[in-house]
Amino acid sequence: MNGEPLPIVHGFPVRMIVPGLYGYVSGTKWIVDIELTRFDAYDPYWVQRGWAEQAPIKTMSRIDTPSPNRQLRAGEIPIAGVAWAQDVGIDRVDVAIDDGPWLMAELTAEDTIDTWRQWLYRWEATSGEHLLRVRAIDRTDASQTPVRTDPLPDGATGHHTIAVVVR
């Protein structure tokens, strides 16, 4: 990890993941024992607690800056964050201010289709209370769903939306 042997706190001697699935399905930190079985014959720890058996990572995006409920000064304000679309990659990220149209954000270079992609939109902010919204569009031209759901049972959905106040 970061060029050093994996520390015990992070699962030494090995940390296993299955790409494309949320961590509760695919992330193994400490192996205590191993039982040979079939996938359909065993409900793992989190499945027994109501989470989905399979949880493919959904196309999503989020706003990392500015922080929610922050008071900002009028003028150019960077709105930025990350987006991801496992197995297909991010094609575009759009930002909406209040109930306005979707505006295309700038994207950083893509490392791989499976890695998060940073994005930036330079907003000329005006005084008042504003809602900032973001959506990701993947390489199949599928847009992130606007329908909000909770993380349980198979990952949250919806456009990440934050409120800010501009003075």
Protein backbone atom coordinates (compact mmCIF):
# COMPACT_ATOMS: atom_id res chain seq x y z
CA MET A 1 0.00 0.00 0.00
CA ASN A 2 1.63 3.24 -1.19
CA GLY A 3 4.85 1.33 -1.91
CA GLU A 4 4.99 -0.31 1.54
CA PRO A 5 3.89 -3.75 2.80
CA LEU A 6 0.17 -3.81 3.59
CA PRO A 7 -0.29 -2.92 7.30
CA ILE A 8 -2.29 -5.18 9.62
CA VAL A 9 -4.94 -2.45 10.09
CA HIS A 10 -5.62 -2.65 6.34
CA GLY A 11 -5.82 -6.45 6.14
CA PHE A 12 -2.21 -7.77 6.05
CA PRO A 13 -1.12 -10.10 4.49
CA VAL A 14 -3.58 -9.61 1.62
CA ARG A 15 -6.56 -7.40 0.81
CA MET A 16 -8.85 -8.86 -1.80
CA ILE A 17 -11.45 -7.02 -3.88
CA VAL A 18 -13.63 -7.88 -6.82
CA PRO A 19 -13.65 -4.96 -9.27
CA GLY A 20 -17.07 -3.60 -10.18
CA LEU A 21 -18.84 -4.50 -6.92
CA TYR A 22 -19.35 -2.36 -3.82
CA GLY A 23 -16.93 -3.13 -1.00
CA TYR A 24 -19.36 -4.92 1.30
CA VAL A 25 -19.74 -7.56 -1.45
CA SER A 26 -16.19 -7.71 -2.71
CA GLY A 27 -13.83 -6.37 -0.06
CA THR A 28 -12.13 -8.90 2.16
CA LYS A 29 -10.00 -7.52 4.95
CA TRP A 30 -9.31 -10.30 7.43
CA ILE A 31 -9.81 -13.93 6.49
CA VAL A 32 -10.61 -15.96 9.60
CA ASP A 33 -11.70 -19.13 7.84
CA ILE A 34 -12.70 -20.30 4.38
CA GLU A 35 -15.70 -22.46 3.56
CA LEU A 36 -16.06 -24.09 0.15
CA THR A 37 -19.62 -23.66 -1.12
CA ARG A 38 -21.66 -22.39 -4.06
CA PHE A 39 -22.63 -18.72 -4.43
CA ASP A 40 -26.37 -19.55 -4.31
CA ALA A 41 -25.95 -21.78 -1.23
CA TYR A 42 -24.51 -19.22 1.20
CA ASP A 43 -25.57 -15.79 2.44
CA PRO A 44 -22.54 -13.76 3.55
CA TYR A 45 -22.47 -11.46 6.58
CA TRP A 46 -23.96 -8.33 4.94
CA VAL A 47 -26.54 -10.25 2.89
CA GLN A 48 -27.84 -11.73 6.16
CA ARG A 49 -28.34 -8.12 7.30
CA GLY A 50 -30.48 -7.05 4.34
CA TRP A 51 -27.91 -5.95 1.75
CA ALA A 52 -28.07 -7.24 -1.83
CA GLU A 53 -26.19 -10.39 -2.85
CA GLN A 54 -24.71 -8.64 -5.85
CA ALA A 55 -24.17 -4.91 -5.91
CA PRO A 56 -22.62 -3.65 -9.15
CA ILE A 57 -21.23 -0.15 -8.77
CA LYS A 58 -23.63 2.40 -10.25
CA THR A 59 -22.72 5.39 -12.41
CA MET A 60 -22.45 8.23 -9.93
CA SER A 61 -20.96 11.66 -9.33
CA ARG A 62 -20.52 13.93 -6.37
CA ILE A 63 -19.66 17.53 -5.54
CA ASP A 64 -16.60 17.80 -3.30
CA THR A 65 -16.20 21.57 -3.44
CA PRO A 66 -17.70 23.87 -2.35
CA SER A 67 -18.90 22.30 0.88
CA PRO A 68 -22.66 22.13 1.49
CA ASN A 69 -24.27 25.10 3.28
CA ARG A 70 -21.14 27.16 2.84
CA GLN A 71 -21.27 30.94 2.50
CA LEU A 72 -19.38 32.04 -0.60
CA ARG A 73 -18.40 35.32 -2.22
CA ALA A 74 -19.91 36.34 -5.56
CA GLY A 75 -17.65 35.82 -8.57
CA GLU A 76 -15.97 32.77 -10.08
CA ILE A 77 -16.33 29.74 -7.85
CA PRO A 78 -15.00 26.31 -8.80
CA ILE A 79 -17.54 23.51 -8.45
CA ALA A 80 -15.63 20.24 -8.55
CA GLY A 81 -15.78 16.59 -7.64
CA VAL A 82 -15.46 13.06 -8.95
CA ALA A 83 -17.54 10.74 -11.14
CA TRP A 84 -17.33 7.03 -11.88
CA ALA A 85 -18.92 4.44 -14.15
CA GLN A 86 -17.47 1.00 -13.52
CA ASP A 87 -16.52 -1.06 -16.59
CA VAL A 88 -17.52 1.67 -19.11
CA GLY A 89 -15.93 4.96 -18.01
CA ILE A 90 -17.19 8.54 -17.77
CA ASP A 91 -17.97 10.40 -20.98
CA ARG A 92 -19.35 13.65 -19.54
CA VAL A 93 -20.29 15.40 -16.30
CA ASP A 94 -22.93 18.11 -16.14
CA VAL A 95 -23.70 20.69 -13.45
CA ALA A 96 -27.00 22.52 -12.93
CA ILE A 97 -27.44 25.69 -10.90
CA ASP A 98 -30.88 25.96 -9.27
CA ASP A 99 -33.44 24.88 -11.90
CA GLY A 100 -31.24 25.96 -14.80
CA PRO A 101 -30.01 23.89 -17.74
CA TRP A 102 -27.32 21.23 -17.51
CA LEU A 103 -23.87 22.77 -18.14
CA MET A 104 -20.89 20.68 -19.24
CA ALA A 105 -17.98 20.40 -16.80
CA GLU A 106 -14.31 19.98 -17.71
CA LEU A 107 -12.89 16.47 -17.18
CA THR A 108 -9.37 15.48 -16.21
CA ALA A 109 -7.50 12.84 -18.18
CA GLU A 110 -8.80 9.31 -17.75
CA ASP A 111 -6.48 6.83 -16.09
CA THR A 112 -8.68 3.79 -16.79
CA ILE A 113 -12.40 3.27 -17.35
CA ASP A 114 -12.61 1.85 -13.82
CA THR A 115 -11.09 4.79 -11.94
CA TRP A 116 -12.77 7.89 -10.61
CA ARG A 117 -12.64 10.87 -12.93
CA GLN A 118 -12.24 14.39 -11.57
CA TRP A 119 -14.35 17.20 -13.01
CA LEU A 120 -14.55 20.99 -12.71
CA TYR A 121 -17.11 23.66 -13.57
CA ARG A 122 -16.21 27.34 -13.20
CA TRP A 123 -19.35 29.11 -11.95
CA GLU A 124 -19.92 32.87 -12.06
CA ALA A 125 -21.83 32.97 -8.80
CA THR A 126 -24.40 35.66 -8.07
CA SER A 127 -25.79 36.65 -4.65
CA GLY A 128 -28.48 34.49 -3.12
CA GLU A 129 -29.25 30.95 -2.06
CA HIS A 130 -28.46 28.35 -4.70
CA LEU A 131 -28.78 24.61 -5.27
CA LEU A 132 -25.91 22.94 -7.14
CA ARG A 133 -26.58 19.58 -8.82
CA VAL A 134 -24.33 17.16 -10.69
CA ARG A 135 -24.88 14.18 -12.98
CA ALA A 136 -22.56 11.78 -14.79
CA ILE A 137 -23.01 10.33 -18.25
CA ASP A 138 -21.14 7.11 -19.04
CA ARG A 139 -19.57 5.93 -22.32
CA THR A 140 -22.78 4.12 -23.31
CA ASP A 141 -24.55 7.52 -23.14
CA ALA A 142 -26.49 6.39 -20.05
CA SER A 143 -27.10 9.17 -17.56
CA GLN A 144 -26.88 8.75 -13.82
CA THR A 145 -30.41 8.28 -12.50
CA PRO A 146 -31.99 11.31 -10.80
CA VAL A 147 -34.09 9.05 -8.54
CA ARG A 148 -32.81 9.19 -4.96
CA THR A 149 -32.51 5.93 -3.04
CA ASP A 150 -30.77 5.03 0.20
CA PRO A 151 -27.56 2.96 0.21
CA LEU A 152 -29.37 -0.13 1.58
CA PRO A 153 -29.75 -2.60 -0.10
CA ASP A 154 -27.46 -2.10 -3.14
CA GLY A 155 -26.00 1.42 -3.23
CA ALA A 156 -27.40 4.95 -3.21
CA THR A 157 -28.65 6.70 -6.35
CA GLY A 158 -29.71 10.20 -7.33
CA HIS A 159 -28.11 13.46 -8.38
CA HIS A 160 -25.84 14.82 -5.66
CA THR A 161 -27.28 18.21 -4.70
CA ILE A 162 -25.93 20.79 -2.26
CA ALA A 163 -27.12 24.20 -1.07
CA VAL A 164 -24.82 27.23 -0.88
CA VAL A 165 -25.29 30.90 -0.02
CA VAL A 166 -23.49 33.54 -2.07
CA ARG A 167 -22.95 37.01 -0.51
